[in-house]
C-alpha atoms as a PDB file:
ATOM      1  CA  MET A   1     122.334  93.728 105.271  1.00  0.00           C
ATOM      2  CA  LEU A   2     121.227  90.299 104.029  1.00  0.00           C
ATOM      3  CA  GLU A   3     120.824  87.520 106.530  1.00  0.00           C
ATOM      4  CA  THR A   4     119.578  83.978 106.051  1.00  0.00           C
ATOM      5  CA  MET A   5     117.575  82.752 109.001  1.00  0.00           C
ATOM      6  CA  ARG A   6     116.789  79.099 109.693  1.00  0.00           C
ATOM      7  CA  ALA A   7     113.781  77.964 111.657  1.00  0.00           C
ATOM      8  CA  ALA A   8     112.623  74.440 112.313  1.00  0.00           C
ATOM      9  CA  GLU A   9     110.093  74.513 109.473  1.00  0.00           C
ATOM     10  CA  ASP A  10     111.377  77.098 106.999  1.00  0.00           C
ATOM     11  CA  VAL A  11     114.246  79.183 105.699  1.00  0.00           C
ATOM     12  CA  CYS A  12     113.975  82.883 104.920  1.00  0.00           C
ATOM     13  CA  CYS A  13     116.099  85.789 103.807  1.00  0.00           C
ATOM     14  CA  GLU A  14     115.974  88.990 105.784  1.00  0.00           C
ATOM     15  CA  PHE A  15     116.829  92.419 104.404  1.00  0.00           C
ATOM     16  CA  VAL A  16     117.336  94.974 107.169  1.00  0.00           C
ATOM     17  CA  VAL A  17     117.434  98.754 106.819  1.00  0.00           C
ATOM     18  CA  SER A  18     117.874 100.916 109.900  1.00  0.00           C
ATOM     19  CA  ASP A  19     118.634 104.495 110.804  1.00  0.00           C
ATOM     20  CA  ASP A  20     119.193 106.609 113.883  1.00  0.00           C
ATOM     21  CA  GLY A  21     116.692 109.336 112.968  1.00  0.00           C
ATOM     22  CA  LYS A  22     113.794 110.720 114.972  1.00  0.00           C
ATOM     23  CA  GLY A  23     111.849 107.443 114.831  1.00  0.00           C
ATOM     24  CA  ILE A  24     108.127 106.758 114.728  1.00  0.00           C
ATOM     25  CA  PRO A  25     105.976 106.413 117.851  1.00  0.00           C
ATOM     26  CA  LYS A  26     105.064 102.740 118.387  1.00  0.00           C
ATOM     27  CA  GLU A  27     101.339 103.464 118.173  1.00  0.00           C
ATOM     28  CA  TYR A  28     101.785 104.674 114.552  1.00  0.00           C
ATOM     29  CA  LEU A  29     103.906 101.799 113.199  1.00  0.00           C
ATOM     30  CA  ASP A  30     100.926  99.875 111.787  1.00  0.00           C
ATOM     31  CA  ASP A  31      99.655 103.059 110.140  1.00  0.00           C
ATOM     32  CA  VAL A  32     102.820 103.783 108.117  1.00  0.00           C
ATOM     33  CA  VAL A  33     102.240 100.727 105.904  1.00  0.00           C
ATOM     34  CA  VAL A  34      98.788 102.028 104.864  1.00  0.00           C
ATOM     35  CA  LEU A  35      98.705 104.043 101.649  1.00  0.00           C
ATOM     36  CA  PRO A  36      98.816 107.806 102.397  1.00  0.00           C
ATOM     37  CA  TYR A  37      95.353 108.604 101.067  1.00  0.00           C
ATOM     38  CA  ALA A  38      93.563 105.388 102.055  1.00  0.00           C
ATOM     39  CA  ALA A  39      90.276 105.722 103.923  1.00  0.00           C
ATOM     40  CA  GLY A  40      91.541 103.485 106.749  1.00  0.00           C
ATOM     41  CA  ARG A  41      94.574 105.601 107.566  1.00  0.00           C
ATOM     42  CA  VAL A  42      94.575 106.731 111.209  1.00  0.00           C
ATOM     43  CA  ARG A  43      96.390 110.044 110.786  1.00  0.00           C
ATOM     44  CA  PRO A  44      97.130 112.383 107.890  1.00  0.00           C
ATOM     45  CA  SER A  45     100.233 111.677 105.818  1.00  0.00           C
ATOM     46  CA  ARG A  46     101.714 115.160 106.441  1.00  0.00           C
ATOM     47  CA  GLN A  47     104.437 113.609 108.611  1.00  0.00           C
ATOM     48  CA  GLY A  48     106.486 112.595 105.563  1.00  0.00           C
ATOM     49  CA  HIS A  49     105.347 108.982 105.240  1.00  0.00           C
ATOM     50  CA  GLY A  50     104.701 108.305 101.595  1.00  0.00           C
ATOM     51  CA  LEU A  51     104.519 105.251  99.379  1.00  0.00           C
ATOM     52  CA  GLY A  52     107.777 103.474 100.281  1.00  0.00           C
ATOM     53  CA  LEU A  53     106.777 101.414 103.316  1.00  0.00           C
ATOM     54  CA  PRO A  54     103.272 100.607 101.998  1.00  0.00           C
ATOM     55  CA  MET A  55     104.876  99.318  98.764  1.00  0.00           C
ATOM     56  CA  VAL A  56     107.445  97.213 100.654  1.00  0.00           C
ATOM     57  CA  SER A  57     104.674  95.777 102.818  1.00  0.00           C
ATOM     58  CA  ARG A  58     102.702  94.747  99.732  1.00  0.00           C
ATOM     59  CA  ILE A  59     105.785  93.217  98.102  1.00  0.00           C
ATOM     60  CA  ALA A  60     106.336  91.167 101.264  1.00  0.00           C
ATOM     61  CA  GLN A  61     102.724  89.960 101.267  1.00  0.00           C
ATOM     62  CA  ALA A  62     102.867  89.081  97.551  1.00  0.00           C
ATOM     63  CA  HIS A  63     105.885  86.843  98.218  1.00  0.00           C
ATOM     64  CA  ARG A  64     104.477  85.208 101.381  1.00  0.00           C
ATOM     65  CA  GLY A  65     106.833  87.238 103.566  1.00  0.00           C
ATOM     66  CA  LYS A  66     106.441  90.023 106.086  1.00  0.00           C
ATOM     67  CA  LEU A  67     107.684  93.482 106.937  1.00  0.00           C
ATOM     68  CA  ILE A  68     108.649  93.998 110.581  1.00  0.00           C
ATOM     69  CA  LEU A  69     109.012  97.582 111.795  1.00  0.00           C
ATOM     70  CA  GLU A  70     110.646  98.492 115.098  1.00  0.00           C
ATOM     71  CA  SER A  71     110.843 102.068 116.308  1.00  0.00           C
ATOM     72  CA  ASP A  72     109.915 104.600 118.923  1.00  0.00           C
ATOM     73  CA  SER A  73     110.199 108.367 119.158  1.00  0.00           C
ATOM     74  CA  GLY A  74     113.846 109.447 119.188  1.00  0.00           C
ATOM     75  CA  GLU A  75     115.189 105.932 118.572  1.00  0.00           C
ATOM     76  CA  GLY A  76     115.355 105.628 114.785  1.00  0.00           C
ATOM     77  CA  LEU A  77     113.651 102.975 112.681  1.00  0.00           C
ATOM     78  CA  ARG A  78     114.526  99.361 111.886  1.00  0.00           C
ATOM     79  CA  ALA A  79     112.700  97.766 108.955  1.00  0.00           C
ATOM     80  CA  ALA A  80     113.207  94.054 108.326  1.00  0.00           C
ATOM     81  CA  LEU A  81     111.805  92.484 105.155  1.00  0.00           C
ATOM     82  CA  GLN A  82     111.575  88.703 105.585  1.00  0.00           C
ATOM     83  CA  LEU A  83     111.012  86.594 102.473  1.00  0.00           C
ATOM     84  CA  PRO A  84     110.885  82.805 102.139  1.00  0.00           C
ATOM     85  CA  ALA A  85     114.114  81.462 100.621  1.00  0.00           C
ATOM     86  CA  THR A  86     112.433  78.499  98.967  1.00  0.00           C
END
């Protein structure tokens, strides 16, 4: 889904991907954007989190945007990539 959002000071495009899978506990959401074998990673990457979300997070940062993850155990995952439209 592509949405254009307008704020008082800027305009951005938002790409949203969501699912109704098993979700990710809220306390691990920040960790899933860290590369799987990085020294700063809180938990091992054996849970199936690979390169996808860390790459999307870096793409967002490179384009002055952000990746917003919303999830909890048993509630699926919603990933919103917000990029400046200008």
